[in-house]
C-alpha atoms as a PDB file:
ATOM      1  CA  UNK A   1      63.061  88.691  41.091  1.00  0.00           C
ATOM      2  CA  UNK A   2      61.604  86.607  43.906  1.00  0.00           C
ATOM      3  CA  UNK A   3      61.949  83.318  42.006  1.00  0.00           C
ATOM      4  CA  UNK A   4      65.491  84.110  40.879  1.00  0.00           C
ATOM      5  CA  UNK A   5      66.651  84.976  44.403  1.00  0.00           C
ATOM      6  CA  UNK A   6      64.874  82.309  46.489  1.00  0.00           C
ATOM      7  CA  UNK A   7      67.805  79.843  46.533  1.00  0.00           C
ATOM      8  CA  UNK A   8      70.471  82.502  47.112  1.00  0.00           C
ATOM      9  CA  UNK A   9      69.527  85.122  49.704  1.00  0.00           C
ATOM     10  CA  UNK A  10      66.448  85.915  51.713  1.00  0.00           C
ATOM     11  CA  UNK A  11      64.790  89.251  51.062  1.00  0.00           C
ATOM     12  CA  UNK A  12      61.662  90.610  52.697  1.00  0.00           C
ATOM     13  CA  UNK A  13      59.533  90.725  49.576  1.00  0.00           C
ATOM     14  CA  UNK A  14      56.503  91.716  51.667  1.00  0.00           C
ATOM     15  CA  UNK A  15      57.628  95.350  51.537  1.00  0.00           C
ATOM     16  CA  UNK A  16      57.423  95.370  47.707  1.00  0.00           C
ATOM     17  CA  UNK A  17      54.353  95.266  45.498  1.00  0.00           C
ATOM     18  CA  UNK A  18      53.929  92.899  42.535  1.00  0.00           C
ATOM     19  CA  UNK A  19      55.921  95.314  40.338  1.00  0.00           C
ATOM     20  CA  UNK A  20      58.873  95.314  42.771  1.00  0.00           C
ATOM     21  CA  UNK A  21      58.174  98.835  44.067  1.00  0.00           C
ATOM     22  CA  UNK A  22      58.504  99.487  47.811  1.00  0.00           C
ATOM     23  CA  UNK A  23      55.073  99.902  49.428  1.00  0.00           C
ATOM     24  CA  UNK A  24      55.968 101.943  52.517  1.00  0.00           C
ATOM     25  CA  UNK A  25      57.958 104.630  50.724  1.00  0.00           C
ATOM     26  CA  UNK A  26      54.673 106.209  49.632  1.00  0.00           C
ATOM     27  CA  UNK A  27      54.283 107.341  53.241  1.00  0.00           C
ATOM     28  CA  UNK A  28      57.719 108.992  53.335  1.00  0.00           C
ATOM     29  CA  UNK A  29      59.334 111.852  51.457  1.00  0.00           C
ATOM     30  CA  UNK A  30      61.948 109.724  49.680  1.00  0.00           C
ATOM     31  CA  UNK A  31      61.652 107.859  46.404  1.00  0.00           C
ATOM     32  CA  UNK A  32      60.573 104.222  46.792  1.00  0.00           C
ATOM     33  CA  UNK A  33      63.093 101.444  46.320  1.00  0.00           C
ATOM     34  CA  UNK A  34      62.508  99.335  43.236  1.00  0.00           C
ATOM     35  CA  UNK A  35      63.808  95.843  42.508  1.00  0.00           C
ATOM     36  CA  UNK A  36      64.946  95.033  38.987  1.00  0.00           C
ATOM     37  CA  UNK A  37      66.309  91.685  37.810  1.00  0.00           C
ATOM     38  CA  UNK A  38      69.441  92.349  35.753  1.00  0.00           C
ATOM     39  CA  UNK A  39      70.505  88.726  35.200  1.00  0.00           C
ATOM     40  CA  UNK A  40      68.681  85.505  36.079  1.00  0.00           C
ATOM     41  CA  UNK A  41      71.552  82.998  36.378  1.00  0.00           C
ATOM     42  CA  UNK A  42      73.494  83.853  38.356  1.00  0.00           C
ATOM     43  CA  UNK A  43      70.918  86.198  39.838  1.00  0.00           C
ATOM     44  CA  UNK A  44      71.848  89.858  39.815  1.00  0.00           C
ATOM     45  CA  UNK A  45      69.402  92.460  41.078  1.00  0.00           C
ATOM     46  CA  UNK A  46      69.473  96.221  41.045  1.00  0.00           C
ATOM     47  CA  UNK A  47      67.823  98.056  43.922  1.00  0.00           C
ATOM     48  CA  UNK A  48      67.006 101.526  42.665  1.00  0.00           C
ATOM     49  CA  UNK A  49      66.832 104.305  45.289  1.00  0.00           C
ATOM     50  CA  UNK A  50      68.552 102.112  47.900  1.00  0.00           C
ATOM     51  CA  UNK A  51      70.382 105.195  49.204  1.00  0.00           C
ATOM     52  CA  UNK A  52      69.030 108.729  49.404  1.00  0.00           C
ATOM     53  CA  UNK A  53      70.971 111.407  47.471  1.00  0.00           C
ATOM     54  CA  UNK A  54      72.423 112.579  50.799  1.00  0.00           C
ATOM     55  CA  UNK A  55      73.616 109.065  51.670  1.00  0.00           C
ATOM     56  CA  UNK A  56      75.173 108.714  48.208  1.00  0.00           C
ATOM     57  CA  UNK A  57      77.086 111.963  48.682  1.00  0.00           C
ATOM     58  CA  UNK A  58      78.315 110.774  52.075  1.00  0.00           C
ATOM     59  CA  UNK A  59      79.585 107.442  50.692  1.00  0.00           C
ATOM     60  CA  UNK A  60      81.228 109.158  47.728  1.00  0.00           C
ATOM     61  CA  UNK A  61      82.952 111.510  50.166  1.00  0.00           C
ATOM     62  CA  UNK A  62      84.221 108.548  52.182  1.00  0.00           C
ATOM     63  CA  UNK A  63      85.729 107.004  49.062  1.00  0.00           C
ATOM     64  CA  UNK A  64      87.685 110.107  48.082  1.00  0.00           C
ATOM     65  CA  UNK A  65      91.078 110.294  49.778  1.00  0.00           C
ATOM     66  CA  UNK A  66      91.969 113.567  51.406  1.00  0.00           C
ATOM     67  CA  UNK A  67      95.180 115.281  50.332  1.00  0.00           C
ATOM     68  CA  UNK A  68      96.757 114.043  53.585  1.00  0.00           C
ATOM     69  CA  UNK A  69      95.993 110.391  52.878  1.00  0.00           C
ATOM     70  CA  UNK A  70      97.306 109.985  49.333  1.00  0.00           C
ATOM     71  CA  UNK A  71      96.162 106.748  47.686  1.00  0.00           C
ATOM     72  CA  UNK A  72      92.923 105.106  48.741  1.00  0.00           C
ATOM     73  CA  UNK A  73      93.419 101.402  49.510  1.00  0.00           C
ATOM     74  CA  UNK A  74      90.565  98.914  49.383  1.00  0.00           C
ATOM     75  CA  UNK A  75      90.921  95.743  51.415  1.00  0.00           C
ATOM     76  CA  UNK A  76      88.457  93.277  50.004  1.00  0.00           C
ATOM     77  CA  UNK A  77      88.396  89.658  48.865  1.00  0.00           C
ATOM     78  CA  UNK A  78      86.617  90.894  45.751  1.00  0.00           C
ATOM     79  CA  UNK A  79      89.327  93.344  44.714  1.00  0.00           C
ATOM     80  CA  UNK A  80      92.942  92.272  44.421  1.00  0.00           C
END
């Protein structure tokens, strides 16, 4: 992962062990983040356990339009 990402973005790899597992999470009650290289060129990484289950639920709730709002619009250069 480190070699694939070095020319693209800077990540603090010091917080991960040689297997890509977060070191400091052992001291907390949440699951450790884990880096996984999905594709080398272009580099695509997956960060497992990036959000806690509670954070995931909150973001999912934000993405669901209320009955008052109708259609959810996304304004992004990625999505047309």
